[in-house]
PDB file of N, CA and C in Angstrom:
ATOM      1  N   MET A   1     221.395 110.586  46.434  1.00  0.00           N
ATOM      2  CA  MET A   1     220.325 110.519  47.396  1.00  0.00           C
ATOM      3  C   MET A   1     219.182 111.461  47.013  1.00  0.00           C
ATOM      4  N   VAL A   2     219.574 112.631  46.535  1.00  0.00           N
ATOM      5  CA  VAL A   2     218.564 113.603  46.115  1.00  0.00           C
ATOM      6  C   VAL A   2     217.767 113.044  44.940  1.00  0.00           C
ATOM      7  N   LEU A   3     218.443 112.318  44.063  1.00  0.00           N
ATOM      8  CA  LEU A   3     217.767 111.730  42.912  1.00  0.00           C
ATOM      9  C   LEU A   3     216.691 110.730  43.340  1.00  0.00           C
ATOM     10  N   ILE A   4     216.963 109.956  44.359  1.00  0.00           N
ATOM     11  CA  ILE A   4     215.985 108.972  44.853  1.00  0.00           C
ATOM     12  C   ILE A   4     214.768 109.679  45.416  1.00  0.00           C
ATOM     13  N   PHE A   5     214.993 110.716  46.229  1.00  0.00           N
ATOM     14  CA  PHE A   5     213.870 111.465  46.791  1.00  0.00           C
ATOM     15  C   PHE A   5     213.069 112.156  45.695  1.00  0.00           C
ATOM     16  N   SER A   6     213.762 112.710  44.715  1.00  0.00           N
ATOM     17  CA  SER A   6     213.067 113.367  43.603  1.00  0.00           C
ATOM     18  C   SER A   6     212.220 112.375  42.823  1.00  0.00           C
ATOM     19  N   LEU A   7     212.754 111.194  42.586  1.00  0.00           N
ATOM     20  CA  LEU A   7     212.010 110.164  41.877  1.00  0.00           C
ATOM     21  C   LEU A   7     210.771 109.729  42.663  1.00  0.00           C
ATOM     22  N   LEU A   8     210.931 109.530  43.974  1.00  0.00           N
ATOM     23  CA  LEU A   8     209.794 109.142  44.807  1.00  0.00           C
ATOM     24  C   LEU A   8     208.713 110.225  44.820  1.00  0.00           C
ATOM     25  N   LEU A   9     209.130 111.480  44.931  1.00  0.00           N
ATOM     26  CA  LEU A   9     208.161 112.583  44.912  1.00  0.00           C
ATOM     27  C   LEU A   9     207.459 112.662  43.564  1.00  0.00           C
ATOM     28  N   TRP A  10     208.206 112.430  42.481  1.00  0.00           N
ATOM     29  CA  TRP A  10     207.617 112.450  41.151  1.00  0.00           C
ATOM     30  C   TRP A  10     206.596 111.316  40.993  1.00  0.00           C
ATOM     31  N   LEU A  11     206.912 110.135  41.519  1.00  0.00           N
ATOM     32  CA  LEU A  11     205.981 109.006  41.437  1.00  0.00           C
ATOM     33  C   LEU A  11     204.710 109.271  42.242  1.00  0.00           C
ATOM     34  N   ILE A  12     204.857 109.904  43.395  1.00  0.00           N
ATOM     35  CA  ILE A  12     203.670 110.259  44.189  1.00  0.00           C
ATOM     36  C   ILE A  12     202.813 111.249  43.423  1.00  0.00           C
ATOM     37  N   ASP A  13     203.433 112.238  42.808  1.00  0.00           N
ATOM     38  CA  ASP A  13     202.671 113.204  42.003  1.00  0.00           C
ATOM     39  C   ASP A  13     201.983 112.528  40.821  1.00  0.00           C
ATOM     40  N   LEU A  14     202.684 111.635  40.152  1.00  0.00           N
ATOM     41  CA  LEU A  14     202.111 110.915  39.017  1.00  0.00           C
ATOM     42  C   LEU A  14     200.894 110.104  39.445  1.00  0.00           C
ATOM     43  N   TYR A  15     201.007 109.380  40.564  1.00  0.00           N
ATOM     44  CA  TYR A  15     199.882 108.566  41.025  1.00  0.00           C
ATOM     45  C   TYR A  15     198.723 109.450  41.480  1.00  0.00           C
ATOM     46  N   THR A  16     199.022 110.628  41.998  1.00  0.00           N
ATOM     47  CA  THR A  16     197.969 111.580  42.360  1.00  0.00           C
ATOM     48  C   THR A  16     197.186 111.981  41.120  1.00  0.00           C
ATOM     49  N   TYR A  17     197.871 112.276  40.031  1.00  0.00           N
ATOM     50  CA  TYR A  17     197.190 112.631  38.783  1.00  0.00           C
ATOM     51  C   TYR A  17     196.366 111.460  38.251  1.00  0.00           C
ATOM     52  N   ILE A  18     196.878 110.255  38.397  1.00  0.00           N
ATOM     53  CA  ILE A  18     196.137 109.077  37.941  1.00  0.00           C
ATOM     54  C   ILE A  18     194.858 108.908  38.768  1.00  0.00           C
ATOM     55  N   ILE A  19     194.924 109.174  40.060  1.00  0.00           N
ATOM     56  CA  ILE A  19     193.722 109.085  40.898  1.00  0.00           C
ATOM     57  C   ILE A  19     192.707 110.137  40.476  1.00  0.00           C
ATOM     58  N   PHE A  20     193.154 111.371  40.239  1.00  0.00           N
ATOM     59  CA  PHE A  20     192.235 112.407  39.759  1.00  0.00           C
ATOM     60  C   PHE A  20     191.609 112.004  38.429  1.00  0.00           C
ATOM     61  N   ALA A  21     192.402 111.427  37.533  1.00  0.00           N
ATOM     62  CA  ALA A  21     191.875 110.968  36.248  1.00  0.00           C
ATOM     63  C   ALA A  21     190.823 109.883  36.454  1.00  0.00           C
ATOM     64  N   SER A  22     191.071 108.979  37.387  1.00  0.00           N
ATOM     65  CA  SER A  22     190.115 107.907  37.670  1.00  0.00           C
ATOM     66  C   SER A  22     188.783 108.461  38.169  1.00  0.00           C
ATOM     67  N   VAL A  23     188.853 109.438  39.061  1.00  0.00           N
ATOM     68  CA  VAL A  23     187.631 110.043  39.594  1.00  0.00           C
ATOM     69  C   VAL A  23     186.860 110.763  38.495  1.00  0.00           C
ATOM     70  N   ILE A  24     187.560 111.548  37.697  1.00  0.00           N
ATOM     71  CA  ILE A  24     186.898 112.296  36.623  1.00  0.00           C
ATOM     72  C   ILE A  24     186.310 111.347  35.593  1.00  0.00           C
ATOM     73  N   ILE A  25     187.038 110.307  35.229  1.00  0.00           N
ATOM     74  CA  ILE A  25     186.523 109.324  34.270  1.00  0.00           C
ATOM     75  C   ILE A  25     185.283 108.643  34.814  1.00  0.00           C
ATOM     76  N   SER A  26     185.278 108.293  36.092  1.00  0.00           N
ATOM     77  CA  SER A  26     184.103 107.623  36.653  1.00  0.00           C
ATOM     78  C   SER A  26     182.886 108.549  36.639  1.00  0.00           C
ATOM     79  N   TRP A  27     183.097 109.841  36.889  1.00  0.00           N
ATOM     80  CA  TRP A  27     181.985 110.793  36.809  1.00  0.00           C
ATOM     81  C   TRP A  27     181.479 110.925  35.379  1.00  0.00           C
ATOM     82  N   LEU A  28     182.402 111.025  34.420  1.00  0.00           N
ATOM     83  CA  LEU A  28     182.002 111.171  33.024  1.00  0.00           C
ATOM     84  C   LEU A  28     181.243 109.948  32.528  1.00  0.00           C
ATOM     85  N   ILE A  29     181.640 108.778  32.979  1.00  0.00           N
ATOM     86  CA  ILE A  29     180.916 107.567  32.601  1.00  0.00           C
ATOM     87  C   ILE A  29     179.562 107.525  33.299  1.00  0.00           C
ATOM     88  N   ALA A  30     179.497 107.927  34.565  1.00  0.00           N
ATOM     89  CA  ALA A  30     178.240 107.901  35.313  1.00  0.00           C
ATOM     90  C   ALA A  30     177.220 108.858  34.726  1.00  0.00           C
ATOM     91  N   PHE A  31     177.662 110.009  34.238  1.00  0.00           N
ATOM     92  CA  PHE A  31     176.754 110.980  33.642  1.00  0.00           C
ATOM     93  C   PHE A  31     176.560 110.751  32.149  1.00  0.00           C
ATOM     94  N   ASP A  32     177.064 109.641  31.653  1.00  0.00           N
ATOM     95  CA  ASP A  32     176.902 109.220  30.258  1.00  0.00           C
ATOM     96  C   ASP A  32     177.485 110.237  29.266  1.00  0.00           C
ATOM     97  N   ILE A  33     178.523 110.908  29.686  1.00  0.00           N
ATOM     98  CA  ILE A  33     179.222 111.834  28.801  1.00  0.00           C
ATOM     99  C   ILE A  33     180.305 111.094  28.028  1.00  0.00           C
ATOM    100  N   LEU A  34     180.922 110.157  28.697  1.00  0.00           N
ATOM    101  CA  LEU A  34     182.000 109.374  28.100  1.00  0.00           C
ATOM    102  C   LEU A  34     181.478 107.982  27.785  1.00  0.00           C
ATOM    103  N   LYS A  35     181.621 107.576  26.550  1.00  0.00           N
ATOM    104  CA  LYS A  35     181.159 106.253  26.111  1.00  0.00           C
ATOM    105  C   LYS A  35     182.345 105.305  26.039  1.00  0.00           C
ATOM    106  N   ILE A  36     182.253 104.185  26.734  1.00  0.00           N
ATOM    107  CA  ILE A  36     183.361 103.235  26.692  1.00  0.00           C
ATOM    108  C   ILE A  36     183.246 102.283  25.505  1.00  0.00           C
ATOM    109  N   ASN A  37     182.285 102.544  24.627  1.00  0.00           N
ATOM    110  CA  ASN A  37     182.192 101.751  23.391  1.00  0.00           C
ATOM    111  C   ASN A  37     183.346 102.069  22.454  1.00  0.00           C
ATOM    112  N   ASN A  38     183.886 103.283  22.563  1.00  0.00           N
ATOM    113  CA  ASN A  38     185.021 103.685  21.757  1.00  0.00           C
ATOM    114  C   ASN A  38     186.244 102.894  22.221  1.00  0.00           C
ATOM    115  N   ASN A  39     186.986 102.332  21.294  1.00  0.00           N
ATOM    116  CA  ASN A  39     188.112 101.464  21.607  1.00  0.00           C
ATOM    117  C   ASN A  39     189.219 102.199  22.363  1.00  0.00           C
ATOM    118  N   ILE A  40     189.538 103.419  21.950  1.00  0.00           N
ATOM    119  CA  ILE A  40     190.600 104.188  22.610  1.00  0.00           C
ATOM    120  C   ILE A  40     190.181 104.564  24.021  1.00  0.00           C
ATOM    121  N   VAL A  41     188.949 105.019  24.175  1.00  0.00           N
ATOM    122  CA  VAL A  41     188.444 105.382  25.497  1.00  0.00           C
ATOM    123  C   VAL A  41     188.441 104.157  26.403  1.00  0.00           C
ATOM    124  N   TYR A  42     188.045 103.022  25.863  1.00  0.00           N
ATOM    125  CA  TYR A  42     188.019 101.790  26.648  1.00  0.00           C
ATOM    126  C   TYR A  42     189.412 101.422  27.156  1.00  0.00           C
ATOM    127  N   LYS A  43     190.411 101.559  26.288  1.00  0.00           N
ATOM    128  CA  LYS A  43     191.779 101.228  26.696  1.00  0.00           C
ATOM    129  C   LYS A  43     192.284 102.174  27.788  1.00  0.00           C
ATOM    130  N   VAL A  44     191.996 103.466  27.653  1.00  0.00           N
ATOM    131  CA  VAL A  44     192.412 104.434  28.665  1.00  0.00           C
ATOM    132  C   VAL A  44     191.727 104.138  29.995  1.00  0.00           C
ATOM    133  N   VAL A  45     190.424 103.846  29.935  1.00  0.00           N
ATOM    134  CA  VAL A  45     189.668 103.529  31.150  1.00  0.00           C
ATOM    135  C   VAL A  45     190.238 102.274  31.806  1.00  0.00           C
ATOM    136  N   MET A  46     190.570 101.280  31.040  1.00  0.00           N
ATOM    137  CA  MET A  46     191.099 100.040  31.601  1.00  0.00           C
ATOM    138  C   MET A  46     192.482 100.261  32.238  1.00  0.00           C
ATOM    139  N   ILE A  47     193.322 101.066  31.617  1.00  0.00           N
ATOM    140  CA  ILE A  47     194.636 101.349  32.185  1.00  0.00           C
ATOM    141  C   ILE A  47     194.499 102.072  33.518  1.00  0.00           C
ATOM    142  N   VAL A  48     193.679 103.111  33.537  1.00  0.00           N
ATOM    143  CA  VAL A  48     193.492 103.879  34.769  1.00  0.00           C
ATOM    144  C   VAL A  48     192.839 103.017  35.843  1.00  0.00           C
ATOM    145  N   THR A  49     191.866 102.203  35.456  1.00  0.00           N
ATOM    146  CA  THR A  49     191.188 101.334  36.416  1.00  0.00           C
ATOM    147  C   THR A  49     192.155 100.298  36.990  1.00  0.00           C
ATOM    148  N   ASN A  50     192.964  99.700  36.145  1.00  0.00           N
ATOM    149  CA  ASN A  50     193.926  98.696  36.625  1.00  0.00           C
ATOM    150  C   ASN A  50     194.983  99.293  37.546  1.00  0.00           C
ATOM    151  N   LEU A  51     195.291 100.574  37.367  1.00  0.00           N
ATOM    152  CA  LEU A  51     196.278 101.221  38.225  1.00  0.00           C
ATOM    153  C   LEU A  51     195.698 101.653  39.569  1.00  0.00           C
ATOM    154  N   THR A  52     194.392 101.921  39.614  1.00  0.00           N
ATOM    155  CA  THR A  52     193.817 102.480  40.836  1.00  0.00           C
ATOM    156  C   THR A  52     192.950 101.515  41.635  1.00  0.00           C
ATOM    157  N   GLN A  53     192.272 100.586  40.988  1.00  0.00           N
ATOM    158  CA  GLN A  53     191.313  99.734  41.694  1.00  0.00           C
ATOM    159  C   GLN A  53     191.909  98.892  42.816  1.00  0.00           C
ATOM    160  N   PRO A  54     193.090  98.314  42.666  1.00  0.00           N
ATOM    161  CA  PRO A  54     193.622  97.534  43.798  1.00  0.00           C
ATOM    162  C   PRO A  54     193.796  98.373  45.066  1.00  0.00           C
ATOM    163  N   VAL A  55     194.261  99.599  44.901  1.00  0.00           N
ATOM    164  CA  VAL A  55     194.438 100.468  46.060  1.00  0.00           C
ATOM    165  C   VAL A  55     193.078 100.916  46.593  1.00  0.00           C
ATOM    166  N   PHE A  56     192.163 101.274  45.698  1.00  0.00           N
ATOM    167  CA  PHE A  56     190.812 101.661  46.122  1.00  0.00           C
ATOM    168  C   PHE A  56     190.138 100.528  46.885  1.00  0.00           C
ATOM    169  N   ASP A  57     190.268  99.311  46.373  1.00  0.00           N
ATOM    170  CA  ASP A  57     189.626  98.161  47.031  1.00  0.00           C
ATOM    171  C   ASP A  57     190.200  97.915  48.426  1.00  0.00           C
ATOM    172  N   ALA A  58     191.501  98.105  48.587  1.00  0.00           N
ATOM    173  CA  ALA A  58     192.118  97.912  49.901  1.00  0.00           C
ATOM    174  C   ALA A  58     191.578  98.936  50.903  1.00  0.00           C
ATOM    175  N   VAL A  59     191.406 100.170  50.461  1.00  0.00           N
ATOM    176  CA  VAL A  59     190.869 101.202  51.355  1.00  0.00           C
ATOM    177  C   VAL A  59     189.387 100.962  51.612  1.00  0.00           C
ATOM    178  N   ARG A  60     188.658 100.507  50.600  1.00  0.00           N
ATOM    179  CA  ARG A  60     187.225 100.237  50.774  1.00  0.00           C
ATOM    180  C   ARG A  60     186.960  99.125  51.781  1.00  0.00           C
ATOM    181  N   MET A  61     187.901  98.215  51.937  1.00  0.00           N
ATOM    182  CA  MET A  61     187.739  97.165  52.944  1.00  0.00           C
ATOM    183  C   MET A  61     187.806  97.747  54.348  1.00  0.00           C
ATOM    184  N   ILE A  62     188.560  98.825  54.516  1.00  0.00           N
ATOM    185  CA  ILE A  62     188.714  99.451  55.827  1.00  0.00           C
ATOM    186  C   ILE A  62     187.638 100.501  56.060  1.00  0.00           C
ATOM    187  N   VAL A  63     187.388 101.351  55.054  1.00  0.00           N
ATOM    188  CA  VAL A  63     186.435 102.451  55.184  1.00  0.00           C
ATOM    189  C   VAL A  63     185.299 102.224  54.184  1.00  0.00           C
ATOM    190  N   PRO A  64     184.109 101.922  54.677  1.00  0.00           N
ATOM    191  CA  PRO A  64     182.986 101.713  53.751  1.00  0.00           C
ATOM    192  C   PRO A  64     182.489 103.046  53.182  1.00  0.00           C
ATOM    193  N   SER A  65     181.674 102.960  52.149  1.00  0.00           N
ATOM    194  CA  SER A  65     181.104 104.173  51.576  1.00  0.00           C
ATOM    195  C   SER A  65     179.988 104.688  52.485  1.00  0.00           C
ATOM    196  N   PHE A  66     179.800 105.986  52.478  1.00  0.00           N
ATOM    197  CA  PHE A  66     178.767 106.625  53.282  1.00  0.00           C
ATOM    198  C   PHE A  66     177.717 107.214  52.356  1.00  0.00           C
ATOM    199  N   PHE A  67     176.485 106.755  52.498  1.00  0.00           N
ATOM    200  CA  PHE A  67     175.355 107.237  51.705  1.00  0.00           C
ATOM    201  C   PHE A  67     175.651 107.176  50.209  1.00  0.00           C
ATOM    202  N   GLY A  68     176.336 106.135  49.795  1.00  0.00           N
ATOM    203  CA  GLY A  68     176.642 105.938  48.385  1.00  0.00           C
ATOM    204  C   GLY A  68     177.859 106.701  47.889  1.00  0.00           C
ATOM    205  N   LEU A  69     178.522 107.442  48.767  1.00  0.00           N
ATOM    206  CA  LEU A  69     179.719 108.187  48.368  1.00  0.00           C
ATOM    207  C   LEU A  69     180.966 107.393  48.739  1.00  0.00           C
ATOM    208  N   ASP A  70     181.872 107.284  47.786  1.00  0.00           N
ATOM    209  CA  ASP A  70     183.118 106.540  47.989  1.00  0.00           C
ATOM    210  C   ASP A  70     184.225 107.525  48.338  1.00  0.00           C
ATOM    211  N   PHE A  71     184.737 107.426  49.541  1.00  0.00           N
ATOM    212  CA  PHE A  71     185.786 108.332  49.993  1.00  0.00           C
ATOM    213  C   PHE A  71     187.182 107.742  49.849  1.00  0.00           C
ATOM    214  N   SER A  72     187.306 106.589  49.228  1.00  0.00           N
ATOM    215  CA  SER A  72     188.625 105.972  49.112  1.00  0.00           C
ATOM    216  C   SER A  72     189.624 106.826  48.331  1.00  0.00           C
ATOM    217  N   PRO A  73     189.240 107.506  47.234  1.00  0.00           N
ATOM    218  CA  PRO A  73     190.233 108.361  46.573  1.00  0.00           C
ATOM    219  C   PRO A  73     190.721 109.504  47.468  1.00  0.00           C
ATOM    220  N   VAL A  74     189.822 110.071  48.247  1.00  0.00           N
ATOM    221  CA  VAL A  74     190.205 111.176  49.134  1.00  0.00           C
ATOM    222  C   VAL A  74     191.183 110.677  50.203  1.00  0.00           C
ATOM    223  N   ILE A  75     190.893 109.519  50.769  1.00  0.00           N
ATOM    224  CA  ILE A  75     191.765 108.957  51.798  1.00  0.00           C
ATOM    225  C   ILE A  75     193.142 108.642  51.225  1.00  0.00           C
ATOM    226  N   ILE A  76     193.166 108.091  50.025  1.00  0.00           N
ATOM    227  CA  ILE A  76     194.450 107.775  49.386  1.00  0.00           C
ATOM    228  C   ILE A  76     195.224 109.048  49.069  1.00  0.00           C
ATOM    229  N   LEU A  77     194.534 110.076  48.575  1.00  0.00           N
ATOM    230  CA  LEU A  77     195.211 111.343  48.283  1.00  0.00           C
ATOM    231  C   LEU A  77     195.789 111.972  49.549  1.00  0.00           C
ATOM    232  N   LEU A  78     195.035 111.922  50.636  1.00  0.00           N
ATOM    233  CA  LEU A  78     195.556 112.445  51.908  1.00  0.00           C
ATOM    234  C   LEU A  78     196.770 111.648  52.376  1.00  0.00           C
ATOM    235  N   ALA A  79     196.714 110.339  52.241  1.00  0.00           N
ATOM    236  CA  ALA A  79     197.842 109.497  52.635  1.00  0.00           C
ATOM    237  C   ALA A  79     199.066 109.792  51.764  1.00  0.00           C
ATOM    238  N   LEU A  80     198.857 109.954  50.470  1.00  0.00           N
ATOM    239  CA  LEU A  80     199.982 110.267  49.579  1.00  0.00           C
ATOM    240  C   LEU A  80     200.617 111.610  49.932  1.00  0.00           C
ATOM    241  N   GLN A  81     199.782 112.590  50.256  1.00  0.00           N
ATOM    242  CA  GLN A  81     200.333 113.892  50.632  1.00  0.00           C
ATOM    243  C   GLN A  81     201.100 113.809  51.956  1.00  0.00           C
ATOM    244  N   GLY A  82     200.617 112.990  52.881  1.00  0.00           N
ATOM    245  CA  GLY A  82     201.337 112.784  54.129  1.00  0.00           C
ATOM    246  C   GLY A  82     202.686 112.120  53.900  1.00  0.00           C
ATOM    247  N   ILE A  83     202.706 111.127  53.022  1.00  0.00           N
ATOM    248  CA  ILE A  83     203.969 110.464  52.669  1.00  0.00           C
ATOM    249  C   ILE A  83     204.919 111.449  51.994  1.00  0.00           C
ATOM    250  N   LYS A  84     204.365 112.286  51.139  1.00  0.00           N
ATOM    251  CA  LYS A  84     205.183 113.272  50.440  1.00  0.00           C
ATOM    252  C   LYS A  84     205.816 114.257  51.426  1.00  0.00           C
ATOM    253  N   ILE A  85     205.037 114.732  52.376  1.00  0.00           N
ATOM    254  CA  ILE A  85     205.561 115.651  53.390  1.00  0.00           C
ATOM    255  C   ILE A  85     206.645 114.965  54.214  1.00  0.00           C
ATOM    256  N   ALA A  86     206.407 113.712  54.597  1.00  0.00           N
ATOM    257  CA  ALA A  86     207.395 112.973  55.382  1.00  0.00           C
ATOM    258  C   ALA A  86     208.688 112.775  54.588  1.00  0.00           C
ATOM    259  N   LEU A  87     208.565 112.486  53.301  1.00  0.00           N
ATOM    260  CA  LEU A  87     209.767 112.322  52.464  1.00  0.00           C
ATOM    261  C   LEU A  87     210.547 113.623  52.346  1.00  0.00           C
ATOM    262  N   ILE A  88     209.837 114.729  52.202  1.00  0.00           N
ATOM    263  CA  ILE A  88     210.507 116.024  52.092  1.00  0.00           C
ATOM    264  C   ILE A  88     211.249 116.343  53.388  1.00  0.00           C
ATOM    265  N   GLN A  89     210.593 116.111  54.526  1.00  0.00           N
ATOM    266  CA  GLN A  89     211.255 116.361  55.803  1.00  0.00           C
ATOM    267  C   GLN A  89     212.458 115.445  56.007  1.00  0.00           C
ATOM    268  N   LEU A  90     212.322 114.194  55.590  1.00  0.00           N
ATOM    269  CA  LEU A  90     213.447 113.270  55.687  1.00  0.00           C
ATOM    270  C   LEU A  90     214.599 113.703  54.803  1.00  0.00           C
ATOM    271  N   ALA A  91     214.289 114.138  53.592  1.00  0.00           N
ATOM    272  CA  ALA A  91     215.338 114.591  52.680  1.00  0.00           C
ATOM    273  C   ALA A  91     216.037 115.814  53.232  1.00  0.00           C
ATOM    274  N   ILE A  92     215.287 116.734  53.812  1.00  0.00           N
ATOM    275  CA  ILE A  92     215.894 117.933  54.380  1.00  0.00           C
ATOM    276  C   ILE A  92     216.796 117.575  55.560  1.00  0.00           C
ATOM    277  N   SER A  93     216.337 116.643  56.403  1.00  0.00           N
ATOM    278  CA  SER A  93     217.142 116.282  57.572  1.00  0.00           C
ATOM    279  C   SER A  93     218.418 115.517  57.159  1.00  0.00           C
ATOM    280  N   ILE A  94     218.356 114.767  56.066  1.00  0.00           N
ATOM    281  CA  ILE A  94     219.545 114.041  55.612  1.00  0.00           C
ATOM    282  C   ILE A  94     220.529 114.982  54.929  1.00  0.00           C
ATOM    283  N   ILE A  95     220.011 115.889  54.123  1.00  0.00           N
ATOM    284  CA  ILE A  95     220.889 116.769  53.344  1.00  0.00           C
ATOM    285  C   ILE A  95     221.559 117.801  54.248  1.00  0.00           C
ATOM    286  N   TYR A  96     220.818 118.340  55.203  1.00  0.00           N
ATOM    287  CA  TYR A  96     221.380 119.407  56.048  1.00  0.00           C
ATOM    288  C   TYR A  96     221.828 118.849  57.339  1.00  0.00           C
TER     289      TYR A  96
END
């Protein structure tokens, strides 16, 4: 049982890092620091985009952007942290 909770917590942490990578990559592309003409960079951008865009799009349907700012990554990160806290509390209540 502990292994399942550990795996779920690890997956939440992994997806959190992927979201941070997506945000940083989008900023680097917007400021023209990162060029997607490079084949390796393009592949990394596509992997990160394919992992995050479906979730971002689902949140964007509910919460629109404000003054051109997209808050979907922040909302997803808050939701993931809430799920993580709930899983930890559930694991503690089951184990003890």
